[in-house]
PDB file of N, CA and C in Angstrom:
ATOM      1  N   UNK A   1     108.234 119.582 124.992  1.00  0.00           N
ATOM      2  CA  UNK A   1     107.938 120.693 124.115  1.00  0.00           C
ATOM      3  C   UNK A   1     108.953 121.803 124.404  1.00  0.00           C
ATOM      4  N   UNK A   2     109.589 122.279 123.351  1.00  0.00           N
ATOM      5  CA  UNK A   2     110.571 123.330 123.576  1.00  0.00           C
ATOM      6  C   UNK A   2     109.898 124.682 123.809  1.00  0.00           C
ATOM      7  N   UNK A   3     110.668 125.638 124.277  1.00  0.00           N
ATOM      8  CA  UNK A   3     110.113 126.944 124.651  1.00  0.00           C
ATOM      9  C   UNK A   3     109.504 127.672 123.459  1.00  0.00           C
ATOM     10  N   UNK A   4     110.146 127.576 122.319  1.00  0.00           N
ATOM     11  CA  UNK A   4     109.643 128.287 121.138  1.00  0.00           C
ATOM     12  C   UNK A   4     108.295 127.712 120.697  1.00  0.00           C
ATOM     13  N   UNK A   5     108.186 126.399 120.668  1.00  0.00           N
ATOM     14  CA  UNK A   5     106.919 125.766 120.301  1.00  0.00           C
ATOM     15  C   UNK A   5     105.840 126.111 121.310  1.00  0.00           C
ATOM     16  N   UNK A   6     106.190 126.133 122.590  1.00  0.00           N
ATOM     17  CA  UNK A   6     105.221 126.489 123.622  1.00  0.00           C
ATOM     18  C   UNK A   6     104.735 127.924 123.426  1.00  0.00           C
ATOM     19  N   UNK A   7     105.652 128.845 123.152  1.00  0.00           N
ATOM     20  CA  UNK A   7     105.288 130.253 122.943  1.00  0.00           C
ATOM     21  C   UNK A   7     104.359 130.401 121.745  1.00  0.00           C
ATOM     22  N   UNK A   8     104.694 129.751 120.633  1.00  0.00           N
ATOM     23  CA  UNK A   8     103.863 129.874 119.439  1.00  0.00           C
ATOM     24  C   UNK A   8     102.525 129.147 119.612  1.00  0.00           C
ATOM     25  N   UNK A   9     102.489 128.116 120.445  1.00  0.00           N
ATOM     26  CA  UNK A   9     101.210 127.464 120.767  1.00  0.00           C
ATOM     27  C   UNK A   9     100.316 128.420 121.545  1.00  0.00           C
ATOM     28  N   UNK A  10     100.898 129.154 122.474  1.00  0.00           N
ATOM     29  CA  UNK A  10     100.133 130.163 123.214  1.00  0.00           C
ATOM     30  C   UNK A  10      99.644 131.270 122.286  1.00  0.00           C
ATOM     31  N   UNK A  11     100.474 131.660 121.340  1.00  0.00           N
ATOM     32  CA  UNK A  11     100.063 132.682 120.369  1.00  0.00           C
ATOM     33  C   UNK A  11      98.867 132.187 119.558  1.00  0.00           C
ATOM     34  N   UNK A  12      98.898 130.927 119.154  1.00  0.00           N
ATOM     35  CA  UNK A  12      97.784 130.372 118.395  1.00  0.00           C
ATOM     36  C   UNK A  12      96.507 130.338 119.239  1.00  0.00           C
ATOM     37  N   UNK A  13      96.645 129.964 120.503  1.00  0.00           N
ATOM     38  CA  UNK A  13      95.467 129.934 121.377  1.00  0.00           C
ATOM     39  C   UNK A  13      94.950 131.348 121.652  1.00  0.00           C
ATOM     40  N   UNK A  14      95.832 132.347 121.670  1.00  0.00           N
ATOM     41  CA  UNK A  14      95.399 133.739 121.786  1.00  0.00           C
ATOM     42  C   UNK A  14      94.525 134.111 120.595  1.00  0.00           C
ATOM     43  N   UNK A  15      94.921 133.664 119.413  1.00  0.00           N
ATOM     44  CA  UNK A  15      94.101 133.904 118.228  1.00  0.00           C
ATOM     45  C   UNK A  15      92.724 133.275 118.355  1.00  0.00           C
ATOM     46  N   UNK A  16      92.660 132.084 118.934  1.00  0.00           N
ATOM     47  CA  UNK A  16      91.365 131.425 119.160  1.00  0.00           C
ATOM     48  C   UNK A  16      90.521 132.202 120.159  1.00  0.00           C
ATOM     49  N   UNK A  17      91.182 132.730 121.178  1.00  0.00           N
ATOM     50  CA  UNK A  17      90.467 133.508 122.186  1.00  0.00           C
ATOM     51  C   UNK A  17      89.863 134.772 121.576  1.00  0.00           C
ATOM     52  N   UNK A  18      90.643 135.509 120.789  1.00  0.00           N
ATOM     53  CA  UNK A  18      90.095 136.740 120.226  1.00  0.00           C
ATOM     54  C   UNK A  18      89.056 136.443 119.146  1.00  0.00           C
ATOM     55  N   UNK A  19      89.180 135.296 118.501  1.00  0.00           N
ATOM     56  CA  UNK A  19      88.154 134.884 117.553  1.00  0.00           C
ATOM     57  C   UNK A  19      86.827 134.618 118.277  1.00  0.00           C
ATOM     58  N   UNK A  20      86.907 134.000 119.444  1.00  0.00           N
ATOM     59  CA  UNK A  20      85.703 133.765 120.250  1.00  0.00           C
ATOM     60  C   UNK A  20      85.098 135.094 120.702  1.00  0.00           C
ATOM     61  N   UNK A  21      85.949 136.066 121.022  1.00  0.00           N
ATOM     62  CA  UNK A  21      85.453 137.392 121.407  1.00  0.00           C
ATOM     63  C   UNK A  21      84.733 138.047 120.230  1.00  0.00           C
ATOM     64  N   UNK A  22      85.230 137.846 119.022  1.00  0.00           N
ATOM     65  CA  UNK A  22      84.566 138.389 117.842  1.00  0.00           C
ATOM     66  C   UNK A  22      83.192 137.744 117.644  1.00  0.00           C
ATOM     67  N   UNK A  23      83.092 136.464 117.955  1.00  0.00           N
ATOM     68  CA  UNK A  23      81.797 135.796 117.857  1.00  0.00           C
ATOM     69  C   UNK A  23      80.794 136.403 118.834  1.00  0.00           C
ATOM     70  N   UNK A  24      81.278 136.807 120.002  1.00  0.00           N
ATOM     71  CA  UNK A  24      80.407 137.470 120.975  1.00  0.00           C
ATOM     72  C   UNK A  24      79.894 138.790 120.400  1.00  0.00           C
ATOM     73  N   UNK A  25      80.787 139.551 119.775  1.00  0.00           N
ATOM     74  CA  UNK A  25      80.360 140.813 119.158  1.00  0.00           C
ATOM     75  C   UNK A  25      79.306 140.581 118.082  1.00  0.00           C
ATOM     76  N   UNK A  26      79.490 139.563 117.262  1.00  0.00           N
ATOM     77  CA  UNK A  26      78.497 139.276 116.230  1.00  0.00           C
ATOM     78  C   UNK A  26      77.154 138.874 116.826  1.00  0.00           C
ATOM     79  N   UNK A  27      77.191 138.084 117.892  1.00  0.00           N
ATOM     80  CA  UNK A  27      75.936 137.669 118.523  1.00  0.00           C
ATOM     81  C   UNK A  27      75.244 138.862 119.179  1.00  0.00           C
ATOM     82  N   UNK A  28      76.022 139.734 119.826  1.00  0.00           N
ATOM     83  CA  UNK A  28      75.441 140.943 120.416  1.00  0.00           C
ATOM     84  C   UNK A  28      74.802 141.810 119.334  1.00  0.00           C
ATOM     85  N   UNK A  29      75.454 141.907 118.193  1.00  0.00           N
ATOM     86  CA  UNK A  29      74.909 142.685 117.090  1.00  0.00           C
ATOM     87  C   UNK A  29      73.625 142.055 116.555  1.00  0.00           C
ATOM     88  N   UNK A  30      73.573 140.730 116.516  1.00  0.00           N
ATOM     89  CA  UNK A  30      72.394 140.030 116.006  1.00  0.00           C
ATOM     90  C   UNK A  30      71.191 140.184 116.929  1.00  0.00           C
ATOM     91  N   UNK A  31      71.432 140.461 118.205  1.00  0.00           N
ATOM     92  CA  UNK A  31      70.329 140.626 119.161  1.00  0.00           C
ATOM     93  C   UNK A  31      69.614 141.964 119.007  1.00  0.00           C
ATOM     94  N   UNK A  32      70.235 142.894 118.321  1.00  0.00           N
ATOM     95  CA  UNK A  32      69.693 144.238 118.188  1.00  0.00           C
ATOM     96  C   UNK A  32      68.834 144.359 116.926  1.00  0.00           C
ATOM     97  N   UNK A  33      67.798 145.183 116.994  1.00  0.00           N
ATOM     98  CA  UNK A  33      66.941 145.441 115.841  1.00  0.00           C
ATOM     99  C   UNK A  33      67.519 146.604 115.034  1.00  0.00           C
ATOM    100  N   UNK A  34      67.494 146.476 113.710  1.00  0.00           N
ATOM    101  CA  UNK A  34      68.006 147.513 112.839  1.00  0.00           C
ATOM    102  C   UNK A  34      66.911 147.965 111.883  1.00  0.00           C
ATOM    103  N   UNK A  35      67.023 149.215 111.428  1.00  0.00           N
ATOM    104  CA  UNK A  35      65.992 149.776 110.548  1.00  0.00           C
ATOM    105  C   UNK A  35      66.127 149.294 109.104  1.00  0.00           C
ATOM    106  N   UNK A  36      67.289 148.785 108.726  1.00  0.00           N
ATOM    107  CA  UNK A  36      67.472 148.270 107.368  1.00  0.00           C
ATOM    108  C   UNK A  36      68.470 147.120 107.373  1.00  0.00           C
ATOM    109  N   UNK A  37      68.456 146.373 106.293  1.00  0.00           N
ATOM    110  CA  UNK A  37      69.381 145.244 106.167  1.00  0.00           C
ATOM    111  C   UNK A  37      70.818 145.742 106.084  1.00  0.00           C
ATOM    112  N   UNK A  38      71.027 146.853 105.421  1.00  0.00           N
ATOM    113  CA  UNK A  38      72.384 147.397 105.306  1.00  0.00           C
ATOM    114  C   UNK A  38      72.933 147.755 106.681  1.00  0.00           C
ATOM    115  N   UNK A  39      72.120 148.373 107.518  1.00  0.00           N
ATOM    116  CA  UNK A  39      72.575 148.713 108.875  1.00  0.00           C
ATOM    117  C   UNK A  39      72.803 147.463 109.723  1.00  0.00           C
ATOM    118  N   UNK A  40      72.095 146.406 109.392  1.00  0.00           N
ATOM    119  CA  UNK A  40      72.261 145.151 110.128  1.00  0.00           C
ATOM    120  C   UNK A  40      73.646 144.542 109.876  1.00  0.00           C
ATOM    121  N   UNK A  41      74.134 144.699 108.653  1.00  0.00           N
ATOM    122  CA  UNK A  41      75.423 144.102 108.296  1.00  0.00           C
ATOM    123  C   UNK A  41      76.581 145.096 108.288  1.00  0.00           C
ATOM    124  N   UNK A  42      76.286 146.379 108.219  1.00  0.00           N
ATOM    125  CA  UNK A  42      77.331 147.402 108.223  1.00  0.00           C
ATOM    126  C   UNK A  42      77.165 148.308 109.432  1.00  0.00           C
ATOM    127  N   UNK A  43      77.467 147.753 110.593  1.00  0.00           N
ATOM    128  CA  UNK A  43      77.463 148.554 111.811  1.00  0.00           C
ATOM    129  C   UNK A  43      78.792 148.336 112.524  1.00  0.00           C
ATOM    130  N   UNK A  44      79.034 149.125 113.533  1.00  0.00           N
ATOM    131  CA  UNK A  44      80.338 149.122 114.192  1.00  0.00           C
ATOM    132  C   UNK A  44      80.694 147.747 114.746  1.00  0.00           C
ATOM    133  N   UNK A  45      79.761 147.083 115.407  1.00  0.00           N
ATOM    134  CA  UNK A  45      80.064 145.775 116.014  1.00  0.00           C
ATOM    135  C   UNK A  45      80.450 144.738 114.971  1.00  0.00           C
ATOM    136  N   UNK A  46      79.710 144.708 113.882  1.00  0.00           N
ATOM    137  CA  UNK A  46      79.991 143.714 112.838  1.00  0.00           C
ATOM    138  C   UNK A  46      81.338 143.991 112.176  1.00  0.00           C
ATOM    139  N   UNK A  47      81.603 145.236 111.873  1.00  0.00           N
ATOM    140  CA  UNK A  47      82.870 145.595 111.225  1.00  0.00           C
ATOM    141  C   UNK A  47      84.048 145.283 112.149  1.00  0.00           C
ATOM    142  N   UNK A  48      83.926 145.626 113.419  1.00  0.00           N
ATOM    143  CA  UNK A  48      84.995 145.323 114.378  1.00  0.00           C
ATOM    144  C   UNK A  48      85.169 143.808 114.522  1.00  0.00           C
ATOM    145  N   UNK A  49      84.065 143.071 114.578  1.00  0.00           N
ATOM    146  CA  UNK A  49      84.149 141.610 114.716  1.00  0.00           C
ATOM    147  C   UNK A  49      84.902 140.992 113.542  1.00  0.00           C
ATOM    148  N   UNK A  50      84.595 141.432 112.332  1.00  0.00           N
ATOM    149  CA  UNK A  50      85.296 140.873 111.175  1.00  0.00           C
ATOM    150  C   UNK A  50      86.751 141.318 111.118  1.00  0.00           C
ATOM    151  N   UNK A  51      87.052 142.499 111.603  1.00  0.00           N
ATOM    152  CA  UNK A  51      88.454 142.929 111.707  1.00  0.00           C
ATOM    153  C   UNK A  51      89.199 142.046 112.712  1.00  0.00           C
ATOM    154  N   UNK A  52      88.522 141.688 113.797  1.00  0.00           N
ATOM    155  CA  UNK A  52      89.129 140.794 114.787  1.00  0.00           C
ATOM    156  C   UNK A  52      89.337 139.405 114.194  1.00  0.00           C
ATOM    157  N   UNK A  53      88.349 138.902 113.433  1.00  0.00           N
ATOM    158  CA  UNK A  53      88.514 137.608 112.764  1.00  0.00           C
ATOM    159  C   UNK A  53      89.722 137.632 111.826  1.00  0.00           C
ATOM    160  N   UNK A  54      89.879 138.730 111.091  1.00  0.00           N
ATOM    161  CA  UNK A  54      91.017 138.867 110.192  1.00  0.00           C
ATOM    162  C   UNK A  54      92.324 138.839 110.982  1.00  0.00           C
ATOM    163  N   UNK A  55      92.353 139.549 112.109  1.00  0.00           N
ATOM    164  CA  UNK A  55      93.547 139.553 112.962  1.00  0.00           C
ATOM    165  C   UNK A  55      93.839 138.158 113.509  1.00  0.00           C
ATOM    166  N   UNK A  56      92.799 137.450 113.907  1.00  0.00           N
ATOM    167  CA  UNK A  56      92.979 136.091 114.422  1.00  0.00           C
ATOM    168  C   UNK A  56      93.548 135.177 113.346  1.00  0.00           C
ATOM    169  N   UNK A  57      93.129 135.363 112.112  1.00  0.00           N
ATOM    170  CA  UNK A  57      93.668 134.579 111.009  1.00  0.00           C
ATOM    171  C   UNK A  57      95.156 134.872 110.819  1.00  0.00           C
ATOM    172  N   UNK A  58      95.530 136.140 110.881  1.00  0.00           N
ATOM    173  CA  UNK A  58      96.942 136.505 110.760  1.00  0.00           C
ATOM    174  C   UNK A  58      97.769 135.922 111.909  1.00  0.00           C
ATOM    175  N   UNK A  59      97.197 135.924 113.107  1.00  0.00           N
ATOM    176  CA  UNK A  59      97.888 135.342 114.260  1.00  0.00           C
ATOM    177  C   UNK A  59      98.106 133.848 114.044  1.00  0.00           C
ATOM    178  N   UNK A  60      97.092 133.158 113.534  1.00  0.00           N
ATOM    179  CA  UNK A  60      97.229 131.719 113.274  1.00  0.00           C
ATOM    180  C   UNK A  60      98.291 131.444 112.219  1.00  0.00           C
ATOM    181  N   UNK A  61      98.283 132.244 111.165  1.00  0.00           N
ATOM    182  CA  UNK A  61      99.291 132.067 110.114  1.00  0.00           C
ATOM    183  C   UNK A  61     100.691 132.262 110.697  1.00  0.00           C
ATOM    184  N   UNK A  62     100.844 133.280 111.522  1.00  0.00           N
ATOM    185  CA  UNK A  62     102.131 133.535 112.160  1.00  0.00           C
ATOM    186  C   UNK A  62     102.538 132.363 113.055  1.00  0.00           C
ATOM    187  N   UNK A  63     101.584 131.843 113.821  1.00  0.00           N
ATOM    188  CA  UNK A  63     101.886 130.740 114.741  1.00  0.00           C
ATOM    189  C   UNK A  63     102.280 129.477 113.991  1.00  0.00           C
ATOM    190  N   UNK A  64     101.725 129.282 112.797  1.00  0.00           N
ATOM    191  CA  UNK A  64     102.060 128.091 112.012  1.00  0.00           C
ATOM    192  C   UNK A  64     103.496 128.103 111.494  1.00  0.00           C
ATOM    193  N   UNK A  65     104.210 129.206 111.718  1.00  0.00           N
ATOM    194  CA  UNK A  65     105.634 129.212 111.369  1.00  0.00           C
ATOM    195  C   UNK A  65     106.391 128.191 112.215  1.00  0.00           C
ATOM    196  N   UNK A  66     105.893 127.946 113.438  1.00  0.00           N
ATOM    197  CA  UNK A  66     106.563 127.026 114.364  1.00  0.00           C
ATOM    198  C   UNK A  66     105.670 125.836 114.726  1.00  0.00           C
ATOM    199  N   UNK A  67     104.386 126.070 114.893  1.00  0.00           N
ATOM    200  CA  UNK A  67     103.463 125.009 115.304  1.00  0.00           C
ATOM    201  C   UNK A  67     103.262 124.032 114.140  1.00  0.00           C
ATOM    202  N   UNK A  68     103.469 122.733 114.382  1.00  0.00           N
ATOM    203  CA  UNK A  68     103.261 121.743 113.316  1.00  0.00           C
ATOM    204  C   UNK A  68     101.803 121.700 112.870  1.00  0.00           C
ATOM    205  N   UNK A  69     101.582 121.422 111.590  1.00  0.00           N
ATOM    206  CA  UNK A  69     100.218 121.359 111.059  1.00  0.00           C
ATOM    207  C   UNK A  69      99.359 120.348 111.806  1.00  0.00           C
ATOM    208  N   UNK A  70      99.967 119.270 112.273  1.00  0.00           N
ATOM    209  CA  UNK A  70      99.208 118.245 112.991  1.00  0.00           C
ATOM    210  C   UNK A  70      98.745 118.739 114.358  1.00  0.00           C
ATOM    211  N   UNK A  71      99.409 119.728 114.910  1.00  0.00           N
ATOM    212  CA  UNK A  71      99.075 120.241 116.236  1.00  0.00           C
ATOM    213  C   UNK A  71      98.071 121.409 116.172  1.00  0.00           C
ATOM    214  N   UNK A  72      98.015 122.082 115.032  1.00  0.00           N
ATOM    215  CA  UNK A  72      97.147 123.253 114.886  1.00  0.00           C
ATOM    216  C   UNK A  72      95.685 123.013 115.224  1.00  0.00           C
ATOM    217  N   UNK A  73      95.044 122.012 114.619  1.00  0.00           N
ATOM    218  CA  UNK A  73      93.628 121.784 114.927  1.00  0.00           C
ATOM    219  C   UNK A  73      93.378 121.453 116.400  1.00  0.00           C
ATOM    220  N   UNK A  74      94.343 120.825 117.041  1.00  0.00           N
ATOM    221  CA  UNK A  74      94.196 120.507 118.465  1.00  0.00           C
ATOM    222  C   UNK A  74      94.153 121.807 119.269  1.00  0.00           C
ATOM    223  N   UNK A  75      95.054 122.725 118.956  1.00  0.00           N
ATOM    224  CA  UNK A  75      95.080 124.006 119.670  1.00  0.00           C
ATOM    225  C   UNK A  75      93.862 124.854 119.339  1.00  0.00           C
ATOM    226  N   UNK A  76      93.424 124.814 118.088  1.00  0.00           N
ATOM    227  CA  UNK A  76      92.265 125.606 117.694  1.00  0.00           C
ATOM    228  C   UNK A  76      90.968 125.083 118.309  1.00  0.00           C
ATOM    229  N   UNK A  77      90.967 123.855 118.770  1.00  0.00           N
ATOM    230  CA  UNK A  77      89.787 123.301 119.445  1.00  0.00           C
ATOM    231  C   UNK A  77      89.503 124.024 120.764  1.00  0.00           C
ATOM    232  N   UNK A  78      90.504 124.732 121.292  1.00  0.00           N
ATOM    233  CA  UNK A  78      90.261 125.502 122.520  1.00  0.00           C
ATOM    234  C   UNK A  78      89.219 126.597 122.288  1.00  0.00           C
ATOM    235  N   UNK A  79      88.992 126.966 121.036  1.00  0.00           N
ATOM    236  CA  UNK A  79      87.971 127.967 120.724  1.00  0.00           C
ATOM    237  C   UNK A  79      86.585 127.540 121.196  1.00  0.00           C
ATOM    238  N   UNK A  80      86.291 126.237 121.128  1.00  0.00           N
ATOM    239  CA  UNK A  80      84.995 125.738 121.603  1.00  0.00           C
ATOM    240  C   UNK A  80      84.835 125.988 123.102  1.00  0.00           C
ATOM    241  N   UNK A  81      85.937 125.878 123.811  1.00  0.00           N
ATOM    242  CA  UNK A  81      85.894 126.119 125.261  1.00  0.00           C
ATOM    243  C   UNK A  81      85.612 127.585 125.534  1.00  0.00           C
ATOM    244  N   UNK A  82      86.312 128.488 124.815  1.00  0.00           N
ATOM    245  CA  UNK A  82      86.095 129.926 125.015  1.00  0.00           C
ATOM    246  C   UNK A  82      84.672 130.334 124.653  1.00  0.00           C
ATOM    247  N   UNK A  83      84.156 129.816 123.550  1.00  0.00           N
ATOM    248  CA  UNK A  83      82.789 130.162 123.147  1.00  0.00           C
ATOM    249  C   UNK A  83      81.794 129.718 124.209  1.00  0.00           C
ATOM    250  N   UNK A  84      82.004 128.548 124.776  1.00  0.00           N
ATOM    251  CA  UNK A  84      81.118 128.058 125.839  1.00  0.00           C
ATOM    252  C   UNK A  84      81.201 128.947 127.074  1.00  0.00           C
ATOM    253  N   UNK A  85      82.416 129.300 127.469  1.00  0.00           N
ATOM    254  CA  UNK A  85      82.588 130.172 128.646  1.00  0.00           C
ATOM    255  C   UNK A  85      81.914 131.518 128.415  1.00  0.00           C
ATOM    256  N   UNK A  86      82.116 132.108 127.230  1.00  0.00           N
ATOM    257  CA  UNK A  86      81.475 133.387 126.926  1.00  0.00           C
ATOM    258  C   UNK A  86      79.949 133.247 126.888  1.00  0.00           C
ATOM    259  N   UNK A  87      79.465 132.143 126.327  1.00  0.00           N
ATOM    260  CA  UNK A  87      78.014 131.933 126.267  1.00  0.00           C
ATOM    261  C   UNK A  87      77.386 131.873 127.644  1.00  0.00           C
ATOM    262  N   UNK A  88      78.057 131.197 128.567  1.00  0.00           N
ATOM    263  CA  UNK A  88      77.527 131.060 129.926  1.00  0.00           C
ATOM    264  C   UNK A  88      77.636 132.383 130.685  1.00  0.00           C
ATOM    265  N   UNK A  89      78.783 133.053 130.582  1.00  0.00           N
ATOM    266  CA  UNK A  89      78.998 134.259 131.387  1.00  0.00           C
ATOM    267  C   UNK A  89      78.328 135.499 130.811  1.00  0.00           C
ATOM    268  N   UNK A  90      78.328 135.652 129.508  1.00  0.00           N
ATOM    269  CA  UNK A  90      77.796 136.874 128.905  1.00  0.00           C
ATOM    270  C   UNK A  90      76.328 136.735 128.525  1.00  0.00           C
ATOM    271  N   UNK A  91      75.975 135.605 127.934  1.00  0.00           N
ATOM    272  CA  UNK A  91      74.611 135.426 127.430  1.00  0.00           C
ATOM    273  C   UNK A  91      73.724 134.592 128.348  1.00  0.00           C
ATOM    274  N   UNK A  92      74.288 134.146 129.469  1.00  0.00           N
ATOM    275  CA  UNK A  92      73.543 133.351 130.457  1.00  0.00           C
ATOM    276  C   UNK A  92      72.929 132.099 129.839  1.00  0.00           C
ATOM    277  N   UNK A  93      73.662 131.484 128.920  1.00  0.00           N
ATOM    278  CA  UNK A  93      73.194 130.248 128.296  1.00  0.00           C
ATOM    279  C   UNK A  93      73.383 129.089 129.263  1.00  0.00           C
ATOM    280  N   UNK A  94      72.585 128.080 129.094  1.00  0.00           N
ATOM    281  CA  UNK A  94      72.703 126.879 129.918  1.00  0.00           C
ATOM    282  C   UNK A  94      73.512 125.836 129.167  1.00  0.00           C
ATOM    283  N   UNK A  95      74.272 125.072 129.931  1.00  0.00           N
ATOM    284  CA  UNK A  95      75.051 123.985 129.343  1.00  0.00           C
ATOM    285  C   UNK A  95      74.359 122.675 129.686  1.00  0.00           C
ATOM    286  N   UNK A  96      73.983 121.933 128.658  1.00  0.00           N
ATOM    287  CA  UNK A  96      73.355 120.639 128.870  1.00  0.00           C
ATOM    288  C   UNK A  96      74.389 119.545 129.041  1.00  0.00           C
ATOM    289  N   UNK A  97      73.920 118.382 129.377  1.00  0.00           N
ATOM    290  CA  UNK A  97      74.803 117.243 129.600  1.00  0.00           C
ATOM    291  C   UNK A  97      75.600 116.858 128.368  1.00  0.00           C
ATOM    292  N   UNK A  98      74.976 116.926 127.194  1.00  0.00           N
ATOM    293  CA  UNK A  98      75.661 116.569 125.959  1.00  0.00           C
ATOM    294  C   UNK A  98      76.803 117.544 125.665  1.00  0.00           C
ATOM    295  N   UNK A  99      76.565 118.822 125.932  1.00  0.00           N
ATOM    296  CA  UNK A  99      77.607 119.827 125.700  1.00  0.00           C
ATOM    297  C   UNK A  99      78.765 119.647 126.684  1.00  0.00           C
ATOM    298  N   UNK A 100      78.455 119.329 127.923  1.00  0.00           N
ATOM    299  CA  UNK A 100      79.505 119.064 128.912  1.00  0.00           C
ATOM    300  C   UNK A 100      80.329 117.852 128.481  1.00  0.00           C
ATOM    301  N   UNK A 101      79.655 116.816 128.017  1.00  0.00           N
ATOM    302  CA  UNK A 101      80.352 115.629 127.538  1.00  0.00           C
ATOM    303  C   UNK A 101      81.271 115.971 126.359  1.00  0.00           C
ATOM    304  N   UNK A 102      80.764 116.792 125.430  1.00  0.00           N
ATOM    305  CA  UNK A 102      81.564 117.186 124.270  1.00  0.00           C
ATOM    306  C   UNK A 102      82.784 117.990 124.701  1.00  0.00           C
ATOM    307  N   UNK A 103      82.617 118.898 125.658  1.00  0.00           N
ATOM    308  CA  UNK A 103      83.750 119.691 126.149  1.00  0.00           C
ATOM    309  C   UNK A 103      84.784 118.807 126.849  1.00  0.00           C
ATOM    310  N   UNK A 104      84.314 117.817 127.577  1.00  0.00           N
ATOM    311  CA  UNK A 104      85.237 116.877 128.227  1.00  0.00           C
ATOM    312  C   UNK A 104      86.036 116.116 127.177  1.00  0.00           C
ATOM    313  N   UNK A 105      85.376 115.707 126.094  1.00  0.00           N
ATOM    314  CA  UNK A 105      86.085 115.023 125.011  1.00  0.00           C
ATOM    315  C   UNK A 105      87.138 115.934 124.376  1.00  0.00           C
ATOM    316  N   UNK A 106      86.782 117.188 124.152  1.00  0.00           N
ATOM    317  CA  UNK A 106      87.723 118.141 123.557  1.00  0.00           C
ATOM    318  C   UNK A 106      88.925 118.342 124.458  1.00  0.00           C
ATOM    319  N   UNK A 107      88.669 118.599 125.737  1.00  0.00           N
ATOM    320  CA  UNK A 107      89.761 118.822 126.689  1.00  0.00           C
ATOM    321  C   UNK A 107      90.613 117.562 126.826  1.00  0.00           C
ATOM    322  N   UNK A 108      89.972 116.395 126.868  1.00  0.00           N
ATOM    323  CA  UNK A 108      90.717 115.128 126.953  1.00  0.00           C
ATOM    324  C   UNK A 108      91.611 114.945 125.729  1.00  0.00           C
ATOM    325  N   UNK A 109      91.082 115.252 124.569  1.00  0.00           N
ATOM    326  CA  UNK A 109      91.874 115.134 123.346  1.00  0.00           C
ATOM    327  C   UNK A 109      93.077 116.051 123.354  1.00  0.00           C
ATOM    328  N   UNK A 110      92.889 117.279 123.828  1.00  0.00           N
ATOM    329  CA  UNK A 110      94.006 118.224 123.914  1.00  0.00           C
ATOM    330  C   UNK A 110      95.069 117.700 124.875  1.00  0.00           C
ATOM    331  N   UNK A 111      94.629 117.195 126.015  1.00  0.00           N
ATOM    332  CA  UNK A 111      95.584 116.676 127.015  1.00  0.00           C
ATOM    333  C   UNK A 111      96.305 115.445 126.490  1.00  0.00           C
ATOM    334  N   UNK A 112      95.560 114.516 125.899  1.00  0.00           N
ATOM    335  CA  UNK A 112      96.170 113.297 125.374  1.00  0.00           C
ATOM    336  C   UNK A 112      97.198 113.638 124.296  1.00  0.00           C
ATOM    337  N   UNK A 113      96.843 114.540 123.384  1.00  0.00           N
ATOM    338  CA  UNK A 113      97.775 114.915 122.336  1.00  0.00           C
ATOM    339  C   UNK A 113      99.018 115.593 122.935  1.00  0.00           C
ATOM    340  N   UNK A 114      98.788 116.442 123.940  1.00  0.00           N
ATOM    341  CA  UNK A 114      99.919 117.150 124.555  1.00  0.00           C
ATOM    342  C   UNK A 114     100.867 116.197 125.273  1.00  0.00           C
ATOM    343  N   UNK A 115     100.311 115.186 125.941  1.00  0.00           N
ATOM    344  CA  UNK A 115     101.136 114.266 126.713  1.00  0.00           C
ATOM    345  C   UNK A 115     101.768 113.204 125.810  1.00  0.00           C
ATOM    346  N   UNK A 116     100.974 112.610 124.939  1.00  0.00           N
ATOM    347  CA  UNK A 116     101.467 111.506 124.121  1.00  0.00           C
ATOM    348  C   UNK A 116     102.019 111.963 122.765  1.00  0.00           C
ATOM    349  N   UNK A 117     101.614 113.165 122.346  1.00  0.00           N
ATOM    350  CA  UNK A 117     102.122 113.793 121.131  1.00  0.00           C
ATOM    351  C   UNK A 117     101.995 112.989 119.921  1.00  0.00           C
TER     352      UNK A 117
END
């Protein structure tokens, strides 16, 4: 893998990371009680989360200037790993055996694709 492709792959994974952070903001917002439906959907956390999602989309589009289309979904699968890490550390969620197995499959797929291309 050349340096430019590696750099743009990291940029794409950064977009996945900030997208996972936006999901945390949305979940935190969903845990709170609101006095009206409008306040439930138009509050600071939700607006910031969607702005972050928009930024993550722009980052992905930028990364696709160099990252091949066939490689994009493999890199974006790292988002599942970030969401799991955030769920365990921030929300104290438990990881069951099936979820661990699924994460192992995702990580294995990323490694296999990276090595065998």
